[in-house]
C-alpha atoms as a PDB file:
ATOM      1  CA  MET A   1     -10.203 -26.875  11.360  1.00  0.00           C
ATOM      2  CA  THR A   2     -10.355 -23.530   9.408  1.00  0.00           C
ATOM      3  CA  VAL A   3     -10.141 -23.858   5.671  1.00  0.00           C
ATOM      4  CA  VAL A   4      -8.570 -20.850   3.952  1.00  0.00           C
ATOM      5  CA  THR A   5      -8.205 -20.161   0.190  1.00  0.00           C
ATOM      6  CA  VAL A   6      -5.490 -17.867  -0.876  1.00  0.00           C
ATOM      7  CA  LEU A   7      -5.846 -15.977  -4.186  1.00  0.00           C
ATOM      8  CA  HIS A   8      -3.122 -16.025  -5.637  1.00  0.00           C
ATOM      9  CA  PRO A   9       0.067 -17.236  -3.932  1.00  0.00           C
ATOM     10  CA  GLY A  10       2.733 -14.973  -5.374  1.00  0.00           C
ATOM     11  CA  ALA A  11       5.741 -14.077  -3.249  1.00  0.00           C
ATOM     12  CA  MET A  12       3.659 -12.324  -0.670  1.00  0.00           C
ATOM     13  CA  GLY A  13       0.595 -14.593  -0.879  1.00  0.00           C
ATOM     14  CA  ALA A  14       2.723 -17.757  -0.549  1.00  0.00           C
ATOM     15  CA  GLU A  15       4.436 -16.651   2.650  1.00  0.00           C
ATOM     16  CA  VAL A  16       1.121 -15.543   4.207  1.00  0.00           C
ATOM     17  CA  ALA A  17      -0.338 -18.936   3.181  1.00  0.00           C
ATOM     18  CA  ARG A  18       2.587 -20.728   4.735  1.00  0.00           C
ATOM     19  CA  LEU A  19       1.933 -18.977   8.025  1.00  0.00           C
ATOM     20  CA  GLY A  20      -1.763 -20.003   7.841  1.00  0.00           C
ATOM     21  CA  VAL A  21      -0.651 -23.569   7.554  1.00  0.00           C
ATOM     22  CA  GLN A  22       1.690 -23.044  10.512  1.00  0.00           C
ATOM     23  CA  GLY A  23      -1.251 -21.660  12.443  1.00  0.00           C
ATOM     24  CA  GLY A  24      -3.201 -24.867  11.961  1.00  0.00           C
ATOM     25  CA  ALA A  25      -5.351 -24.060   8.921  1.00  0.00           C
ATOM     26  CA  THR A  26      -5.892 -26.097   5.805  1.00  0.00           C
ATOM     27  CA  VAL A  27      -4.917 -23.660   2.994  1.00  0.00           C
ATOM     28  CA  ARG A  28      -5.994 -24.089  -0.535  1.00  0.00           C
ATOM     29  CA  TRP A  29      -4.926 -22.495  -3.797  1.00  0.00           C
ATOM     30  CA  VAL A  30      -6.171 -22.500  -7.389  1.00  0.00           C
ATOM     31  CA  SER A  31      -3.634 -23.876  -9.826  1.00  0.00           C
ATOM     32  CA  SER A  32      -5.409 -23.220 -13.112  1.00  0.00           C
ATOM     33  CA  GLY A  33      -3.327 -20.889 -15.338  1.00  0.00           C
ATOM     34  CA  ARG A  34      -0.614 -20.487 -12.716  1.00  0.00           C
ATOM     35  CA  SER A  35       3.163 -20.626 -13.484  1.00  0.00           C
ATOM     36  CA  GLU A  36       5.553 -23.355 -12.480  1.00  0.00           C
ATOM     37  CA  ALA A  37       7.153 -20.793 -10.075  1.00  0.00           C
ATOM     38  CA  THR A  38       3.874 -20.304  -8.387  1.00  0.00           C
ATOM     39  CA  ARG A  39       3.327 -24.109  -8.194  1.00  0.00           C
ATOM     40  CA  ARG A  40       6.734 -24.537  -6.450  1.00  0.00           C
ATOM     41  CA  ARG A  41       5.879 -21.764  -3.906  1.00  0.00           C
ATOM     42  CA  ALA A  42       2.519 -23.449  -3.146  1.00  0.00           C
ATOM     43  CA  ALA A  43       4.113 -26.816  -2.756  1.00  0.00           C
ATOM     44  CA  ASP A  44       6.810 -25.411  -0.518  1.00  0.00           C
ATOM     45  CA  ALA A  45       4.245 -23.651   1.618  1.00  0.00           C
ATOM     46  CA  GLY A  46       2.221 -26.893   2.103  1.00  0.00           C
ATOM     47  CA  LEU A  47      -0.886 -25.639   0.288  1.00  0.00           C
ATOM     48  CA  GLN A  48      -3.679 -27.905  -0.989  1.00  0.00           C
ATOM     49  CA  GLU A  49      -4.126 -27.695  -4.805  1.00  0.00           C
ATOM     50  CA  CYS A  50      -7.525 -27.005  -6.295  1.00  0.00           C
ATOM     51  CA  THR A  51      -7.931 -27.012 -10.139  1.00  0.00           C
ATOM     52  CA  ASP A  52     -10.525 -24.192 -10.149  1.00  0.00           C
ATOM     53  CA  LEU A  53     -12.028 -21.549  -7.924  1.00  0.00           C
ATOM     54  CA  HIS A  54     -15.378 -23.378  -7.487  1.00  0.00           C
ATOM     55  CA  ASP A  55     -13.640 -26.319  -5.870  1.00  0.00           C
ATOM     56  CA  ALA A  56     -11.390 -24.065  -3.687  1.00  0.00           C
ATOM     57  CA  LEU A  57     -14.476 -22.249  -2.304  1.00  0.00           C
ATOM     58  CA  GLN A  58     -16.418 -25.400  -1.318  1.00  0.00           C
ATOM     59  CA  ASP A  59     -16.757 -25.388   2.439  1.00  0.00           C
ATOM     60  CA  CYS A  60     -14.151 -22.680   2.716  1.00  0.00           C
ATOM     61  CA  ASP A  61     -14.300 -20.491   5.785  1.00  0.00           C
ATOM     62  CA  VAL A  62     -12.032 -17.696   4.706  1.00  0.00           C
ATOM     63  CA  VAL A  63     -10.789 -16.375   1.368  1.00  0.00           C
ATOM     64  CA  LEU A  64      -7.590 -14.270   1.331  1.00  0.00           C
ATOM     65  CA  SER A  65      -7.320 -12.240  -1.871  1.00  0.00           C
ATOM     66  CA  ILE A  66      -3.668 -11.237  -2.288  1.00  0.00           C
ATOM     67  CA  CYS A  67      -2.991 -10.378  -5.865  1.00  0.00           C
ATOM     68  CA  PRO A  68      -1.836  -7.519  -8.127  1.00  0.00           C
ATOM     69  CA  PRO A  69      -4.185  -4.701  -7.234  1.00  0.00           C
ATOM     70  CA  ALA A  70      -5.381  -4.279 -10.784  1.00  0.00           C
ATOM     71  CA  HIS A  71      -7.015  -7.731 -10.634  1.00  0.00           C
ATOM     72  CA  ALA A  72      -8.696  -7.341  -7.255  1.00  0.00           C
ATOM     73  CA  GLU A  73     -12.202  -6.621  -8.522  1.00  0.00           C
ATOM     74  CA  ASP A  74     -12.053  -9.239 -11.254  1.00  0.00           C
ATOM     75  CA  ILE A  75     -11.141 -11.928  -8.712  1.00  0.00           C
ATOM     76  CA  ALA A  76     -13.984 -10.748  -6.487  1.00  0.00           C
ATOM     77  CA  ARG A  77     -16.385 -11.144  -9.365  1.00  0.00           C
ATOM     78  CA  GLN A  78     -15.196 -14.702  -9.928  1.00  0.00           C
ATOM     79  CA  ALA A  79     -16.069 -15.478  -6.231  1.00  0.00           C
ATOM     80  CA  ALA A  80     -19.585 -14.191  -6.710  1.00  0.00           C
ATOM     81  CA  GLY A  81     -22.042 -16.170  -4.533  1.00  0.00           C
ATOM     82  CA  TYR A  82     -19.481 -16.943  -1.890  1.00  0.00           C
ATOM     83  CA  ARG A  83     -20.937 -16.871   1.532  1.00  0.00           C
ATOM     84  CA  GLY A  84     -17.959 -17.002   3.959  1.00  0.00           C
ATOM     85  CA  ILE A  85     -15.418 -14.461   4.972  1.00  0.00           C
ATOM     86  CA  TYR A  86     -13.633 -12.688   2.120  1.00  0.00           C
ATOM     87  CA  VAL A  87     -10.549 -10.720   3.043  1.00  0.00           C
ATOM     88  CA  ASP A  88      -9.295  -8.292   0.374  1.00  0.00           C
ATOM     89  CA  ALA A  89      -5.712  -7.793   1.456  1.00  0.00           C
ATOM     90  CA  ASN A  90      -4.616  -5.996  -1.722  1.00  0.00           C
ATOM     91  CA  ALA A  91      -3.088  -2.547  -2.158  1.00  0.00           C
ATOM     92  CA  ILE A  92      -6.275  -0.855  -3.354  1.00  0.00           C
ATOM     93  CA  ALA A  93      -8.094   2.346  -2.654  1.00  0.00           C
ATOM     94  CA  PRO A  94     -10.784   2.316   0.079  1.00  0.00           C
ATOM     95  CA  GLU A  95     -13.402   3.064  -2.595  1.00  0.00           C
ATOM     96  CA  ARG A  96     -12.561  -0.169  -4.388  1.00  0.00           C
ATOM     97  CA  VAL A  97     -12.973  -2.137  -1.189  1.00  0.00           C
ATOM     98  CA  HIS A  98     -16.473  -0.929  -0.969  1.00  0.00           C
ATOM     99  CA  ARG A  99     -17.112  -1.980  -4.607  1.00  0.00           C
ATOM    100  CA  ILE A 100     -15.843  -5.349  -3.826  1.00  0.00           C
ATOM    101  CA  ALA A 101     -18.201  -5.601  -0.879  1.00  0.00           C
ATOM    102  CA  GLU A 102     -21.062  -4.844  -3.346  1.00  0.00           C
ATOM    103  CA  LEU A 103     -19.838  -7.601  -5.646  1.00  0.00           C
ATOM    104  CA  LEU A 104     -20.051 -10.056  -2.740  1.00  0.00           C
ATOM    105  CA  PRO A 105     -23.257  -9.299  -0.973  1.00  0.00           C
ATOM    106  CA  ASP A 106     -23.498 -12.830   0.556  1.00  0.00           C
ATOM    107  CA  ALA A 107     -19.979 -12.714   2.011  1.00  0.00           C
ATOM    108  CA  THR A 108     -18.565 -11.011   5.032  1.00  0.00           C
ATOM    109  CA  VAL A 109     -16.003  -8.638   3.402  1.00  0.00           C
ATOM    110  CA  VAL A 110     -13.029  -7.791   5.496  1.00  0.00           C
ATOM    111  CA  ASP A 111     -10.618  -4.971   4.471  1.00  0.00           C
ATOM    112  CA  GLY A 112      -6.909  -5.800   4.757  1.00  0.00           C
ATOM    113  CA  GLY A 113      -3.630  -4.069   4.067  1.00  0.00           C
ATOM    114  CA  ILE A 114      -0.174  -5.634   4.295  1.00  0.00           C
ATOM    115  CA  ILE A 115       2.749  -3.465   5.253  1.00  0.00           C
ATOM    116  CA  GLY A 116       6.295  -4.961   5.057  1.00  0.00           C
ATOM    117  CA  PRO A 117       8.039  -7.681   3.125  1.00  0.00           C
ATOM    118  CA  PRO A 118       6.820 -11.265   2.681  1.00  0.00           C
ATOM    119  CA  PRO A 119       6.602 -12.375   6.365  1.00  0.00           C
ATOM    120  CA  LYS A 120       9.465 -14.810   6.780  1.00  0.00           C
ATOM    121  CA  TRP A 121      10.689 -13.510  10.120  1.00  0.00           C
ATOM    122  CA  PRO A 122       8.871 -11.983  13.139  1.00  0.00           C
ATOM    123  CA  ALA A 123       8.531  -8.207  13.576  1.00  0.00           C
ATOM    124  CA  THR A 124       8.819  -7.453   9.898  1.00  0.00           C
ATOM    125  CA  THR A 125       5.227  -7.494   8.531  1.00  0.00           C
ATOM    126  CA  ARG A 126       1.817  -6.345   9.648  1.00  0.00           C
ATOM    127  CA  LEU A 127      -1.603  -7.333   8.326  1.00  0.00           C
ATOM    128  CA  TYR A 128      -3.949  -4.528   9.125  1.00  0.00           C
ATOM    129  CA  LEU A 129      -7.672  -5.322   9.208  1.00  0.00           C
ATOM    130  CA  SER A 130     -10.880  -3.229   9.404  1.00  0.00           C
ATOM    131  CA  GLY A 131     -14.500  -4.381   9.262  1.00  0.00           C
ATOM    132  CA  ASP A 132     -15.937  -7.504  10.800  1.00  0.00           C
ATOM    133  CA  THR A 133     -12.547  -8.939  11.719  1.00  0.00           C
ATOM    134  CA  GLU A 134     -13.320 -11.302  14.621  1.00  0.00           C
ATOM    135  CA  ALA A 135     -12.957 -14.546  12.685  1.00  0.00           C
ATOM    136  CA  VAL A 136      -9.806 -13.426  10.878  1.00  0.00           C
ATOM    137  CA  ALA A 137      -7.720 -11.763  13.682  1.00  0.00           C
ATOM    138  CA  THR A 138      -6.659 -15.122  15.181  1.00  0.00           C
ATOM    139  CA  LEU A 139      -5.712 -16.936  11.919  1.00  0.00           C
ATOM    140  CA  PHE A 140      -1.980 -16.055  12.308  1.00  0.00           C
ATOM    141  CA  ASP A 141      -1.597 -16.378  16.091  1.00  0.00           C
ATOM    142  CA  GLY A 142       1.891 -17.606  17.005  1.00  0.00           C
ATOM    143  CA  THR A 143       3.287 -16.826  13.500  1.00  0.00           C
ATOM    144  CA  ALA A 144       5.589 -14.233  12.084  1.00  0.00           C
ATOM    145  CA  LEU A 145       2.747 -12.146  10.783  1.00  0.00           C
ATOM    146  CA  GLU A 146       1.504  -9.498  13.168  1.00  0.00           C
ATOM    147  CA  VAL A 147      -2.255  -8.851  12.774  1.00  0.00           C
ATOM    148  CA  VAL A 148      -3.486  -5.429  13.800  1.00  0.00           C
ATOM    149  CA  VAL A 149      -7.245  -4.758  13.976  1.00  0.00           C
ATOM    150  CA  ILE A 150      -7.994  -1.062  13.345  1.00  0.00           C
ATOM    151  CA  SER A 151     -11.783  -0.816  13.720  1.00  0.00           C
ATOM    152  CA  ASP A 152     -15.079  -2.162  12.298  1.00  0.00           C
ATOM    153  CA  ARG A 153     -15.009   0.535   9.570  1.00  0.00           C
ATOM    154  CA  LEU A 154     -14.484  -1.042   6.176  1.00  0.00           C
ATOM    155  CA  GLY A 155     -11.815   0.823   4.122  1.00  0.00           C
ATOM    156  CA  GLN A 156      -9.588   1.948   6.895  1.00  0.00           C
ATOM    157  CA  ALA A 157      -6.984  -0.843   6.418  1.00  0.00           C
ATOM    158  CA  SER A 158      -6.667   0.055   2.698  1.00  0.00           C
ATOM    159  CA  ALA A 159      -6.485   3.784   3.504  1.00  0.00           C
ATOM    160  CA  LEU A 160      -3.522   3.058   5.831  1.00  0.00           C
ATOM    161  CA  LYS A 161      -1.829   1.005   3.072  1.00  0.00           C
ATOM    162  CA  MET A 162      -2.370   3.817   0.463  1.00  0.00           C
ATOM    163  CA  ALA A 163      -1.018   6.388   2.956  1.00  0.00           C
ATOM    164  CA  TYR A 164       2.092   4.387   3.737  1.00  0.00           C
ATOM    165  CA  ALA A 165       2.786   3.205   0.173  1.00  0.00           C
ATOM    166  CA  SER A 166       2.263   6.799  -1.214  1.00  0.00           C
ATOM    167  CA  TYR A 167       5.494   7.669   0.684  1.00  0.00           C
ATOM    168  CA  GLN A 168       7.387   4.487   0.769  1.00  0.00           C
ATOM    169  CA  LYS A 169       7.201   3.777  -3.020  1.00  0.00           C
ATOM    170  CA  ALA A 170       7.176   7.268  -4.324  1.00  0.00           C
ATOM    171  CA  SER A 171      10.247   8.246  -2.292  1.00  0.00           C
ATOM    172  CA  ARG A 172      12.211   5.477  -4.022  1.00  0.00           C
ATOM    173  CA  VAL A 173      11.079   6.818  -7.367  1.00  0.00           C
ATOM    174  CA  LEU A 174      12.125  10.333  -6.364  1.00  0.00           C
ATOM    175  CA  ALA A 175      15.515   9.139  -5.236  1.00  0.00           C
ATOM    176  CA  ALA A 176      16.140   7.195  -8.438  1.00  0.00           C
ATOM    177  CA  THR A 177      15.192  10.294 -10.452  1.00  0.00           C
ATOM    178  CA  ALA A 178      17.509  12.450  -8.382  1.00  0.00           C
ATOM    179  CA  HIS A 179      20.425  10.146  -9.043  1.00  0.00           C
ATOM    180  CA  ALA A 180      19.553   9.858 -12.653  1.00  0.00           C
ATOM    181  CA  LEU A 181      19.631  13.698 -13.037  1.00  0.00           C
ATOM    182  CA  ALA A 182      22.887  13.955 -11.121  1.00  0.00           C
ATOM    183  CA  ASN A 183      24.520  11.312 -13.290  1.00  0.00           C
ATOM    184  CA  GLN A 184      23.606  13.065 -16.457  1.00  0.00           C
ATOM    185  CA  HIS A 185      25.324  16.172 -15.252  1.00  0.00           C
ATOM    186  CA  GLY A 186      28.337  14.331 -13.860  1.00  0.00           C
ATOM    187  CA  VAL A 187      27.749  15.084 -10.271  1.00  0.00           C
ATOM    188  CA  GLY A 188      26.470  11.654  -9.097  1.00  0.00           C
ATOM    189  CA  ALA A 189      29.330  11.175  -6.596  1.00  0.00           C
ATOM    190  CA  HIS A 190      28.540  14.562  -5.018  1.00  0.00           C
ATOM    191  CA  LEU A 191      24.865  13.716  -4.603  1.00  0.00           C
ATOM    192  CA  ALA A 192      25.805  10.397  -3.079  1.00  0.00           C
ATOM    193  CA  ARG A 193      27.898  12.203  -0.466  1.00  0.00           C
ATOM    194  CA  GLU A 194      25.041  14.615   0.282  1.00  0.00           C
ATOM    195  CA  ALA A 195      22.735  11.658   0.674  1.00  0.00           C
ATOM    196  CA  GLU A 196      25.021  10.162   3.317  1.00  0.00           C
ATOM    197  CA  LEU A 197      24.830  13.489   5.269  1.00  0.00           C
ATOM    198  CA  LEU A 198      21.062  13.645   5.201  1.00  0.00           C
ATOM    199  CA  GLU A 199      19.365  13.354   8.555  1.00  0.00           C
ATOM    200  CA  GLY A 200      15.791  12.478   9.572  1.00  0.00           C
ATOM    201  CA  ARG A 201      12.894  10.414   8.388  1.00  0.00           C
ATOM    202  CA  PRO A 202      10.189  12.757   7.052  1.00  0.00           C
ATOM    203  CA  LEU A 203       7.360  10.250   7.501  1.00  0.00           C
ATOM    204  CA  ALA A 204       8.176   9.944  11.146  1.00  0.00           C
ATOM    205  CA  GLU A 205       8.659  13.730  11.707  1.00  0.00           C
ATOM    206  CA  PRO A 206       5.298  15.477  11.178  1.00  0.00           C
ATOM    207  CA  GLU A 207       6.415  18.411  13.358  1.00  0.00           C
ATOM    208  CA  ALA A 208       8.625  19.426  10.454  1.00  0.00           C
ATOM    209  CA  PHE A 209       5.673  19.933   8.235  1.00  0.00           C
ATOM    210  CA  THR A 210       4.817  23.417   9.701  1.00  0.00           C
ATOM    211  CA  GLY A 211       8.293  24.718   8.735  1.00  0.00           C
ATOM    212  CA  ALA A 212       7.894  23.283   5.184  1.00  0.00           C
ATOM    213  CA  ALA A 213       4.472  25.052   4.915  1.00  0.00           C
ATOM    214  CA  ALA A 214       5.940  28.353   6.035  1.00  0.00           C
ATOM    215  CA  ARG A 215       8.628  28.111   3.327  1.00  0.00           C
ATOM    216  CA  ALA A 216       6.277  26.768   0.568  1.00  0.00           C
ATOM    217  CA  TRP A 217       6.072  30.170  -1.151  1.00  0.00           C
ATOM    218  CA  ARG A 218       9.800  29.679  -1.821  1.00  0.00           C
ATOM    219  CA  TRP A 219       9.924  25.972  -2.362  1.00  0.00           C
ATOM    220  CA  ALA A 220       7.122  25.849  -5.049  1.00  0.00           C
ATOM    221  CA  PRO A 221       8.992  27.934  -7.615  1.00  0.00           C
ATOM    222  CA  GLU A 222      12.125  25.838  -6.851  1.00  0.00           C
ATOM    223  CA  MET A 223      10.151  22.706  -7.589  1.00  0.00           C
ATOM    224  CA  LEU A 224       9.066  24.116 -10.887  1.00  0.00           C
ATOM    225  CA  GLU A 225      12.788  24.831 -11.688  1.00  0.00           C
ATOM    226  CA  ILE A 226      13.520  21.229 -10.877  1.00  0.00           C
ATOM    227  CA  ALA A 227      10.661  20.110 -13.185  1.00  0.00           C
ATOM    228  CA  THR A 228      12.253  22.160 -16.025  1.00  0.00           C
ATOM    229  CA  THR A 229      15.638  20.634 -15.367  1.00  0.00           C
ATOM    230  CA  LEU A 230      14.219  17.094 -15.338  1.00  0.00           C
ATOM    231  CA  MET A 231      12.367  17.689 -18.649  1.00  0.00           C
ATOM    232  CA  ALA A 232      15.497  19.002 -20.248  1.00  0.00           C
ATOM    233  CA  ALA A 233      17.237  15.790 -19.232  1.00  0.00           C
ATOM    234  CA  GLY A 234      14.467  13.643 -20.626  1.00  0.00           C
ATOM    235  CA  LEU A 235      13.478  12.503 -17.065  1.00  0.00           C
ATOM    236  CA  PRO A 236       9.896  12.396 -15.657  1.00  0.00           C
ATOM    237  CA  ALA A 237       8.946  15.781 -14.220  1.00  0.00           C
ATOM    238  CA  ASP A 238       5.359  15.181 -13.107  1.00  0.00           C
ATOM    239  CA  MET A 239       6.263  14.503  -9.472  1.00  0.00           C
ATOM    240  CA  ALA A 240       8.243  17.715  -9.151  1.00  0.00           C
ATOM    241  CA  ALA A 241       5.436  19.742 -10.813  1.00  0.00           C
ATOM    242  CA  GLY A 242       2.842  17.940  -8.522  1.00  0.00           C
ATOM    243  CA  ALA A 243       4.939  18.944  -5.456  1.00  0.00           C
ATOM    244  CA  ALA A 244       4.814  22.460  -6.593  1.00  0.00           C
ATOM    245  CA  ARG A 245       1.022  22.314  -6.802  1.00  0.00           C
ATOM    246  CA  ALA A 246       0.865  20.768  -3.352  1.00  0.00           C
ATOM    247  CA  LEU A 247       3.187  23.491  -1.971  1.00  0.00           C
ATOM    248  CA  ASP A 248       0.826  26.064  -3.447  1.00  0.00           C
ATOM    249  CA  ARG A 249      -1.807  24.952  -0.955  1.00  0.00           C
ATOM    250  CA  TRP A 250       0.363  26.249   1.912  1.00  0.00           C
ATOM    251  CA  VAL A 251       1.014  29.763   0.532  1.00  0.00           C
ATOM    252  CA  ALA A 252      -1.466  31.241   2.940  1.00  0.00           C
ATOM    253  CA  VAL A 253       0.805  30.533   5.916  1.00  0.00           C
ATOM    254  CA  ARG A 254       3.871  32.152   4.366  1.00  0.00           C
ATOM    255  CA  ASP A 255       6.654  32.603   7.031  1.00  0.00           C
ATOM    256  CA  ARG A 256       4.247  31.891   9.866  1.00  0.00           C
ATOM    257  CA  THR A 257       5.421  30.052  12.985  1.00  0.00           C
ATOM    258  CA  ASP A 258       2.139  29.612  14.754  1.00  0.00           C
ATOM    259  CA  THR A 259       0.487  27.033  12.489  1.00  0.00           C
ATOM    260  CA  SER A 260      -0.207  23.560  13.868  1.00  0.00           C
ATOM    261  CA  VAL A 261       0.523  20.289  12.200  1.00  0.00           C
ATOM    262  CA  ALA A 262      -3.177  19.499  12.049  1.00  0.00           C
ATOM    263  CA  GLU A 263      -3.815  22.864  10.268  1.00  0.00           C
ATOM    264  CA  VAL A 264      -1.125  22.355   7.588  1.00  0.00           C
ATOM    265  CA  LEU A 265      -2.307  18.788   6.885  1.00  0.00           C
ATOM    266  CA  ALA A 266      -5.939  19.998   6.611  1.00  0.00           C
ATOM    267  CA  MET A 267      -4.767  22.652   4.076  1.00  0.00           C
ATOM    268  CA  LEU A 268      -3.440  19.935   1.723  1.00  0.00           C
ATOM    269  CA  ALA A 269      -6.965  18.667   1.322  1.00  0.00           C
ATOM    270  CA  VAL A 270      -8.337  22.022  -0.003  1.00  0.00           C
ATOM    271  CA  ALA A 271      -7.167  23.517  -3.321  1.00  0.00           C
ATOM    272  CA  PRO A 272      -6.199  27.189  -3.176  1.00  0.00           C
ATOM    273  CA  PRO A 273      -8.530  29.661  -4.874  1.00  0.00           C
ATOM    274  CA  GLU A 274      -7.769  30.349  -8.500  1.00  0.00           C
ATOM    275  CA  ALA A 275      -6.160  33.663  -9.303  1.00  0.00           C
ATOM    276  CA  PRO A 276      -8.499  36.186 -10.928  1.00  0.00           C
ATOM    277  CA  ALA A 277      -8.281  36.321 -14.655  1.00  0.00           C
END
C-alpha cells in the first residue's frame, strides 16, 4: 500500500488527502503546531496523525507539499534527506521548484500545480504534474481529482499555475478596484449594469489580442489616466500603470491588422527601446 504524507492539510490539502485515502493510500499528516481546525479536517479526511515530520517520513513513498507558497522552501528544507518522491504542489514560480529540487538531492522531486477549488466533486479540479511523474499519476485514479501529466520537464506545472493565477486572481482585484472607484463617484449601479452587458472571456479569446495590440497606442495613455483617477481616490494604481507599460510594448504594431497572436505575445516579453534623452 502506498504511504503518502501531506504537508500541510489546509482546506485544499485536506481534500486532496481525503481523495488519496479514497484511492487506497495510507495518508499521514504532521500535527505539531497545527490548529484545532486543521485537526478536525485531518480527522474528517481519515488521515493518520504523526507528531513530527521525522515520523511522518519514515517508510513514506510520496510527500505532497500543499501549503502557503511563502513556506514551500522552508518545508522542503525540513524534509532534507528524504529519499522518496516529493511533490511540490504549491503556487510557486518555476525557479523555486528548481531550488527545492536542489534542497532535496536524494529525493525524486515532482512539480505540481493545482487549478480549481478543493476537489469535492468531479470535473472541478486538476492536478498538473511535470517531471518524473510515473509513480504519482495514478495516486488519484477513480477520484474527483483529475491528474494531468504535462511532460518530464520540471517547472512546467508551476509555470501553468502561475500563468493561470496571474489572470484568475488579478482579474478579481481589478474588478474590485473598478467597483470601489465607481462607488466613490456614485456611479456603482451604472458600472454594475455595464458589467452585465459585457461579453467574452479574455483568457479564452487570444484572437482578440491582435486588436488590442493595434490599439495599444491609444489604450496606454488611457490606462495612465485611470491610474491618476485611482490615485486621487486613494485606490491602488499600480496595476493600471503596469498595464500602460505592457501596452507600450505593442506600440510598434499601431493600427496594424496583419500581426499574428504569436507575434503580439512574443512582443510582451521584450521591453521597448528607451526614448533618446
